[in-house]
Amino acid sequence: MNLQSKVFILRQYERYCYQISLFITQDEQQSIKVAQSALLELATDPLFFEVSQHEQLVRVRKESMRSSLRWYSENLSKERLTKQPT
């Protein structure tokens, strides 16, 4: 499959990926970065482009949630480190 075909497929899931990441991160700018990260991860998975559309949607959902939760946990850790107990 050529690059143009892969980009076309990934663009179909761009908004869905962003919506999931926005719901979890509650931050528009960060959710853009998280969605990009998730889509890039999917782009490097050769099996993603071989499965059905339904399976692609499931994989997009899982990767979006995984990337968003990774960001959330990292952000939560940083927040805890900056708060000093009194």
N, C-alpha and C. Protein backbone atom coordinates (compact mmCIF):
# COMPACT_ATOMS: atom_id res chain seq x y z
N MET A 1 0.85 -1.18 0.00
CA MET A 1 0.00 0.00 0.00
C MET A 1 0.90 1.24 0.00
N ASN A 2 0.57 2.19 -0.84
CA ASN A 2 1.40 3.39 -0.93
C ASN A 2 1.07 4.40 0.17
N LEU A 3 1.93 5.36 0.33
CA LEU A 3 1.81 6.36 1.40
C LEU A 3 0.51 7.16 1.28
N GLN A 4 0.15 7.51 0.08
CA GLN A 4 -1.06 8.30 -0.14
C GLN A 4 -2.31 7.54 0.34
N SER A 5 -2.36 6.26 0.09
CA SER A 5 -3.48 5.44 0.54
C SER A 5 -3.53 5.35 2.06
N LYS A 6 -2.36 5.23 2.69
CA LYS A 6 -2.29 5.16 4.14
C LYS A 6 -2.76 6.47 4.76
N VAL A 7 -2.34 7.58 4.20
CA VAL A 7 -2.75 8.90 4.70
C VAL A 7 -4.27 9.05 4.57
N PHE A 8 -4.82 8.61 3.46
CA PHE A 8 -6.26 8.69 3.24
C PHE A 8 -7.01 7.92 4.32
N ILE A 9 -6.55 6.73 4.63
CA ILE A 9 -7.20 5.90 5.65
C ILE A 9 -7.08 6.55 7.03
N LEU A 10 -5.90 7.02 7.37
CA LEU A 10 -5.69 7.63 8.68
C LEU A 10 -6.52 8.90 8.85
N ARG A 11 -6.69 9.66 7.79
CA ARG A 11 -7.48 10.90 7.88
C ARG A 11 -8.94 10.62 8.20
N GLN A 12 -9.42 9.44 7.84
CA GLN A 12 -10.80 9.08 8.15
C GLN A 12 -11.02 8.97 9.66
N TYR A 13 -9.95 8.70 10.40
CA TYR A 13 -10.05 8.50 11.84
C TYR A 13 -9.51 9.67 12.65
N GLU A 14 -9.05 10.70 11.99
CA GLU A 14 -8.42 11.83 12.66
C GLU A 14 -9.35 12.50 13.69
N ARG A 15 -10.55 12.81 13.29
CA ARG A 15 -11.50 13.50 14.17
C ARG A 15 -11.89 12.61 15.34
N TYR A 16 -12.14 11.35 15.09
CA TYR A 16 -12.51 10.40 16.14
C TYR A 16 -11.40 10.29 17.18
N CYS A 17 -10.19 10.19 16.70
CA CYS A 17 -9.02 10.10 17.58
C CYS A 17 -8.90 11.37 18.44
N TYR A 18 -9.09 12.51 17.82
CA TYR A 18 -9.03 13.78 18.54
C TYR A 18 -10.13 13.86 19.60
N GLN A 19 -11.35 13.43 19.27
CA GLN A 19 -12.45 13.49 20.22
C GLN A 19 -12.16 12.66 21.47
N ILE A 20 -11.60 11.50 21.26
CA ILE A 20 -11.27 10.64 22.40
C ILE A 20 -10.20 11.30 23.26
N SER A 21 -9.16 11.80 22.61
CA SER A 21 -8.07 12.40 23.37
C SER A 21 -8.53 13.68 24.09
N LEU A 22 -9.40 14.44 23.48
CA LEU A 22 -9.92 15.65 24.13
C LEU A 22 -10.75 15.28 25.35
N PHE A 23 -11.54 14.25 25.24
CA PHE A 23 -12.37 13.82 26.37
C PHE A 23 -11.49 13.44 27.56
N ILE A 24 -10.37 12.77 27.29
CA ILE A 24 -9.51 12.31 28.38
C ILE A 24 -8.60 13.42 28.90
N THR A 25 -7.98 14.16 28.00
CA THR A 25 -7.01 15.18 28.44
C THR A 25 -7.68 16.46 28.91
N GLN A 26 -8.85 16.78 28.37
CA GLN A 26 -9.55 18.02 28.68
C GLN A 26 -8.70 19.25 28.35
N ASP A 27 -7.85 19.12 27.34
CA ASP A 27 -6.96 20.20 26.93
C ASP A 27 -6.82 20.14 25.40
N GLU A 28 -7.30 21.17 24.72
CA GLU A 28 -7.34 21.15 23.26
C GLU A 28 -5.96 21.00 22.63
N GLN A 29 -5.00 21.78 23.09
CA GLN A 29 -3.66 21.73 22.50
C GLN A 29 -2.99 20.37 22.75
N GLN A 30 -3.12 19.87 23.94
CA GLN A 30 -2.52 18.58 24.25
C GLN A 30 -3.22 17.45 23.51
N SER A 31 -4.52 17.56 23.34
CA SER A 31 -5.25 16.50 22.65
C SER A 31 -4.85 16.42 21.17
N ILE A 32 -4.47 17.54 20.58
CA ILE A 32 -3.94 17.52 19.21
C ILE A 32 -2.65 16.72 19.17
N LYS A 33 -1.77 16.98 20.11
CA LYS A 33 -0.49 16.26 20.16
C LYS A 33 -0.70 14.77 20.44
N VAL A 34 -1.61 14.48 21.36
CA VAL A 34 -1.89 13.09 21.70
C VAL A 34 -2.49 12.36 20.51
N ALA A 35 -3.41 13.00 19.81
CA ALA A 35 -4.02 12.37 18.63
C ALA A 35 -2.98 12.14 17.55
N GLN A 36 -2.09 13.09 17.35
CA GLN A 36 -1.02 12.91 16.37
C GLN A 36 -0.14 11.73 16.75
N SER A 37 0.17 11.62 18.01
CA SER A 37 0.99 10.52 18.49
C SER A 37 0.30 9.17 18.24
N ALA A 38 -0.98 9.11 18.54
CA ALA A 38 -1.74 7.88 18.34
C ALA A 38 -1.80 7.51 16.86
N LEU A 39 -2.06 8.49 16.01
CA LEU A 39 -2.15 8.21 14.58
C LEU A 39 -0.79 7.80 14.01
N LEU A 40 0.26 8.41 14.51
CA LEU A 40 1.61 8.02 14.07
C LEU A 40 1.91 6.58 14.47
N GLU A 41 1.51 6.23 15.66
CA GLU A 41 1.70 4.85 16.12
C GLU A 41 0.95 3.88 15.20
N LEU A 42 -0.27 4.22 14.86
CA LEU A 42 -1.05 3.37 13.95
C LEU A 42 -0.44 3.32 12.55
N ALA A 43 0.12 4.43 12.12
CA ALA A 43 0.72 4.49 10.78
C ALA A 43 1.91 3.56 10.64
N THR A 44 2.58 3.29 11.75
CA THR A 44 3.75 2.42 11.70
C THR A 44 3.40 0.95 11.93
N ASP A 45 2.11 0.68 12.13
CA ASP A 45 1.65 -0.70 12.31
C ASP A 45 1.17 -1.24 10.97
N PRO A 46 1.93 -2.11 10.33
CA PRO A 46 1.54 -2.59 9.00
C PRO A 46 0.23 -3.38 9.00
N LEU A 47 -0.11 -4.00 10.10
CA LEU A 47 -1.35 -4.77 10.17
C LEU A 47 -2.59 -3.88 10.19
N PHE A 48 -2.43 -2.65 10.66
CA PHE A 48 -3.56 -1.72 10.73
C PHE A 48 -4.23 -1.55 9.37
N PHE A 49 -3.45 -1.52 8.33
CA PHE A 49 -3.97 -1.26 6.99
C PHE A 49 -4.50 -2.52 6.30
N GLU A 50 -4.35 -3.65 6.95
CA GLU A 50 -4.80 -4.91 6.37
C GLU A 50 -6.12 -5.41 6.95
N VAL A 51 -6.56 -4.83 8.05
CA VAL A 51 -7.78 -5.30 8.72
C VAL A 51 -9.00 -4.55 8.21
N SER A 52 -10.17 -5.01 8.61
CA SER A 52 -11.43 -4.38 8.18
C SER A 52 -11.58 -2.99 8.79
N GLN A 53 -12.51 -2.22 8.26
CA GLN A 53 -12.75 -0.88 8.79
C GLN A 53 -13.22 -0.93 10.23
N HIS A 54 -14.02 -1.92 10.56
CA HIS A 54 -14.48 -2.05 11.94
C HIS A 54 -13.29 -2.30 12.86
N GLU A 55 -12.39 -3.19 12.46
CA GLU A 55 -11.21 -3.47 13.28
C GLU A 55 -10.29 -2.26 13.35
N GLN A 56 -10.20 -1.49 12.27
CA GLN A 56 -9.40 -0.26 12.29
C GLN A 56 -9.97 0.71 13.32
N LEU A 57 -11.29 0.84 13.34
CA LEU A 57 -11.95 1.73 14.30
C LEU A 57 -11.65 1.29 15.74
N VAL A 58 -11.70 0.01 15.97
CA VAL A 58 -11.39 -0.52 17.31
C VAL A 58 -9.95 -0.20 17.67
N ARG A 59 -9.03 -0.37 16.73
CA ARG A 59 -7.61 -0.10 16.99
C ARG A 59 -7.37 1.39 17.22
N VAL A 60 -8.08 2.23 16.46
CA VAL A 60 -7.95 3.67 16.66
C VAL A 60 -8.43 4.04 18.06
N ARG A 61 -9.54 3.49 18.47
CA ARG A 61 -10.08 3.77 19.80
C ARG A 61 -9.07 3.35 20.88
N LYS A 62 -8.55 2.14 20.76
CA LYS A 62 -7.60 1.64 21.76
C LYS A 62 -6.33 2.48 21.81
N GLU A 63 -5.78 2.79 20.65
CA GLU A 63 -4.54 3.57 20.63
C GLU A 63 -4.76 5.00 21.10
N SER A 64 -5.91 5.57 20.77
CA SER A 64 -6.24 6.92 21.25
C SER A 64 -6.35 6.95 22.77
N MET A 65 -7.00 5.94 23.30
CA MET A 65 -7.13 5.87 24.75
C MET A 65 -5.78 5.61 25.40
N ARG A 66 -4.99 4.73 24.82
CA ARG A 66 -3.67 4.42 25.37
C ARG A 66 -2.79 5.67 25.39
N SER A 67 -2.75 6.39 24.28
CA SER A 67 -1.92 7.60 24.20
C SER A 67 -2.43 8.68 25.15
N SER A 68 -3.73 8.81 25.24
CA SER A 68 -4.32 9.83 26.12
C SER A 68 -4.06 9.50 27.58
N LEU A 69 -4.21 8.25 27.94
CA LEU A 69 -3.98 7.86 29.32
C LEU A 69 -2.50 7.95 29.68
N ARG A 70 -1.63 7.69 28.72
CA ARG A 70 -0.19 7.86 28.95
C ARG A 70 0.10 9.33 29.25
N TRP A 71 -0.46 10.23 28.42
CA TRP A 71 -0.27 11.66 28.65
C TRP A 71 -0.85 12.05 30.02
N TYR A 72 -2.03 11.55 30.33
CA TYR A 72 -2.70 11.90 31.58
C TYR A 72 -1.85 11.46 32.78
N SER A 73 -1.34 10.24 32.73
CA SER A 73 -0.55 9.76 33.86
C SER A 73 0.76 10.52 33.99
N GLU A 74 1.39 10.86 32.87
CA GLU A 74 2.62 11.66 32.93
C GLU A 74 2.33 13.05 33.48
N ASN A 75 1.24 13.63 33.06
CA ASN A 75 0.86 14.96 33.51
C ASN A 75 0.50 14.94 34.99
N LEU A 76 -0.18 13.90 35.41
CA LEU A 76 -0.55 13.76 36.82
C LEU A 76 0.70 13.60 37.68
N SER A 77 1.67 12.84 37.20
CA SER A 77 2.93 12.66 37.93
C SER A 77 3.67 13.98 38.09
N LYS A 78 3.73 14.76 37.02
CA LYS A 78 4.39 16.06 37.07
C LYS A 78 3.68 16.98 38.05
N GLU A 79 2.35 16.92 38.04
CA GLU A 79 1.56 17.77 38.92
C GLU A 79 1.82 17.40 40.38
N ARG A 80 1.92 16.13 40.67
CA ARG A 80 2.18 15.69 42.03
C ARG A 80 3.58 16.09 42.50
N LEU A 81 4.54 16.08 41.57
CA LEU A 81 5.91 16.45 41.94
C LEU A 81 6.01 17.94 42.25
N THR A 82 5.22 18.75 41.55
CA THR A 82 5.31 20.19 41.77
C THR A 82 4.58 20.63 43.03
N LYS A 83 3.65 19.82 43.49
CA LYS A 83 2.93 20.16 44.73
C LYS A 83 3.71 19.61 45.91
N GLN A 84 4.16 20.47 46.73
CA GLN A 84 4.91 20.09 47.93
C GLN A 84 3.95 20.00 49.11
N PRO A 85 4.05 18.96 49.90
CA PRO A 85 3.19 18.88 51.08
C PRO A 85 3.53 19.98 52.08
N THR A 86 2.52 20.50 52.73
CA THR A 86 2.74 21.56 53.72
C THR A 86 2.63 21.07 55.11
